[in-house]
Structure formats: structure tokens, C-alpha cells
Amino acid sequence: MYGKEETIKKVILTDLDSKDDTLKHLKNFKKENEYVEVSKWRDCKEIIDMVDDT
């Protein structure tokens, strides 16, 4: 984590189409953590592609 924020606002977790129970575990983790969002990897890729890292 980096930046000037005092608290975590949002963490996006994504599953890369694994064949195990990863997605289920991510969804359970989301239930326990209000700042977590679970996204499909294609949606996450679109978000990352929009980030300007300059």
C-alpha cells in the first residue's frame, strides 16, 4: 500500500480463472472486509489499463 491516505478505501481482488476455490475464498474475504471488491479479471484489466502511472 502506498499513498497519502490514512485508511484503506478500496482493494480490488481478482481471480485469474483458477480451477480451485480461489473465487469462493475471495468472496468470503469480501464479506468480512467492507473495503474489498471482487472483480472478474477482464474487468480488473480494464481498470489497470486506465491507470496513468506517469
C-alpha atoms as a PDB file:
ATOM      1  CA  MET A   1       0.000   0.000   0.000  1.00  0.00           C
ATOM      2  CA  TYR A   2       1.213   3.450  -0.754  1.00  0.00           C
ATOM      3  CA  GLY A   3      -0.079   6.954  -0.965  1.00  0.00           C
ATOM      4  CA  LYS A   4      -1.201   9.635   1.447  1.00  0.00           C
ATOM      5  CA  GLU A   5      -4.430   8.003   2.583  1.00  0.00           C
ATOM      6  CA  GLU A   6      -4.945   7.420   6.288  1.00  0.00           C
ATOM      7  CA  THR A   7      -7.202   4.417   5.752  1.00  0.00           C
ATOM      8  CA  ILE A   8      -7.783   1.848   3.057  1.00  0.00           C
ATOM      9  CA  LYS A   9     -10.625   2.931   0.788  1.00  0.00           C
ATOM     10  CA  LYS A  10     -10.825   0.009  -1.612  1.00  0.00           C
ATOM     11  CA  VAL A  11      -8.868  -3.112  -2.508  1.00  0.00           C
ATOM     12  CA  ILE A  12      -9.790  -4.938  -5.697  1.00  0.00           C
ATOM     13  CA  LEU A  13      -9.129  -8.665  -5.720  1.00  0.00           C
ATOM     14  CA  THR A  14      -9.429 -10.755  -8.842  1.00  0.00           C
ATOM     15  CA  ASP A  15      -9.266 -14.409  -9.757  1.00  0.00           C
ATOM     16  CA  LEU A  16      -7.399 -15.301 -12.934  1.00  0.00           C
ATOM     17  CA  ASP A  17      -9.775 -18.150 -13.849  1.00  0.00           C
ATOM     18  CA  SER A  18      -8.145 -20.613 -11.475  1.00  0.00           C
ATOM     19  CA  LYS A  19      -9.685 -24.053 -11.169  1.00  0.00           C
ATOM     20  CA  ASP A  20      -9.553 -24.252  -7.373  1.00  0.00           C
ATOM     21  CA  ASP A  21     -11.683 -22.469  -4.766  1.00  0.00           C
ATOM     22  CA  THR A  22      -9.946 -19.107  -5.074  1.00  0.00           C
ATOM     23  CA  LEU A  23     -13.053 -17.199  -6.148  1.00  0.00           C
ATOM     24  CA  LYS A  24     -15.061 -18.644  -3.264  1.00  0.00           C
ATOM     25  CA  HIS A  25     -12.355 -17.585  -0.801  1.00  0.00           C
ATOM     26  CA  LEU A  26     -12.209 -14.094  -2.288  1.00  0.00           C
ATOM     27  CA  LYS A  27     -15.966 -13.699  -1.932  1.00  0.00           C
ATOM     28  CA  ASN A  28     -15.805 -14.870   1.701  1.00  0.00           C
ATOM     29  CA  PHE A  29     -12.995 -12.397   2.361  1.00  0.00           C
ATOM     30  CA  LYS A  30     -15.150  -9.640   0.852  1.00  0.00           C
ATOM     31  CA  LYS A  31     -17.981 -10.453   3.288  1.00  0.00           C
ATOM     32  CA  GLU A  32     -15.579  -9.855   6.173  1.00  0.00           C
ATOM     33  CA  ASN A  33     -13.974  -6.677   4.778  1.00  0.00           C
ATOM     34  CA  GLU A  34     -16.100  -3.759   3.601  1.00  0.00           C
ATOM     35  CA  TYR A  35     -13.232  -2.192   1.615  1.00  0.00           C
ATOM     36  CA  VAL A  36     -12.762  -5.268  -0.607  1.00  0.00           C
ATOM     37  CA  GLU A  37     -14.235  -5.621  -4.062  1.00  0.00           C
ATOM     38  CA  VAL A  38     -14.050  -8.859  -6.048  1.00  0.00           C
ATOM     39  CA  SER A  39     -13.818  -8.416  -9.786  1.00  0.00           C
ATOM     40  CA  LYS A  40     -13.524 -10.629 -12.830  1.00  0.00           C
ATOM     41  CA  TRP A  41     -10.026 -10.475 -14.265  1.00  0.00           C
ATOM     42  CA  ARG A  42     -11.223  -8.893 -17.515  1.00  0.00           C
ATOM     43  CA  ASP A  43     -12.870  -6.051 -15.574  1.00  0.00           C
ATOM     44  CA  CYS A  44      -9.760  -5.608 -13.470  1.00  0.00           C
ATOM     45  CA  LYS A  45      -7.592  -5.454 -16.599  1.00  0.00           C
ATOM     46  CA  GLU A  46      -9.744  -2.616 -17.931  1.00  0.00           C
ATOM     47  CA  ILE A  47      -9.239  -0.695 -14.661  1.00  0.00           C
ATOM     48  CA  ILE A  48      -5.480  -1.235 -14.696  1.00  0.00           C
ATOM     49  CA  ASP A  49      -5.226  -0.202 -18.343  1.00  0.00           C
ATOM     50  CA  MET A  50      -6.882   3.121 -17.437  1.00  0.00           C
ATOM     51  CA  VAL A  51      -4.323   3.952 -14.697  1.00  0.00           C
ATOM     52  CA  ASP A  52      -1.913   6.709 -15.654  1.00  0.00           C
ATOM     53  CA  ASP A  53       1.344   5.878 -13.879  1.00  0.00           C
ATOM     54  CA  THR A  54       3.226   8.985 -15.008  1.00  0.00           C
END
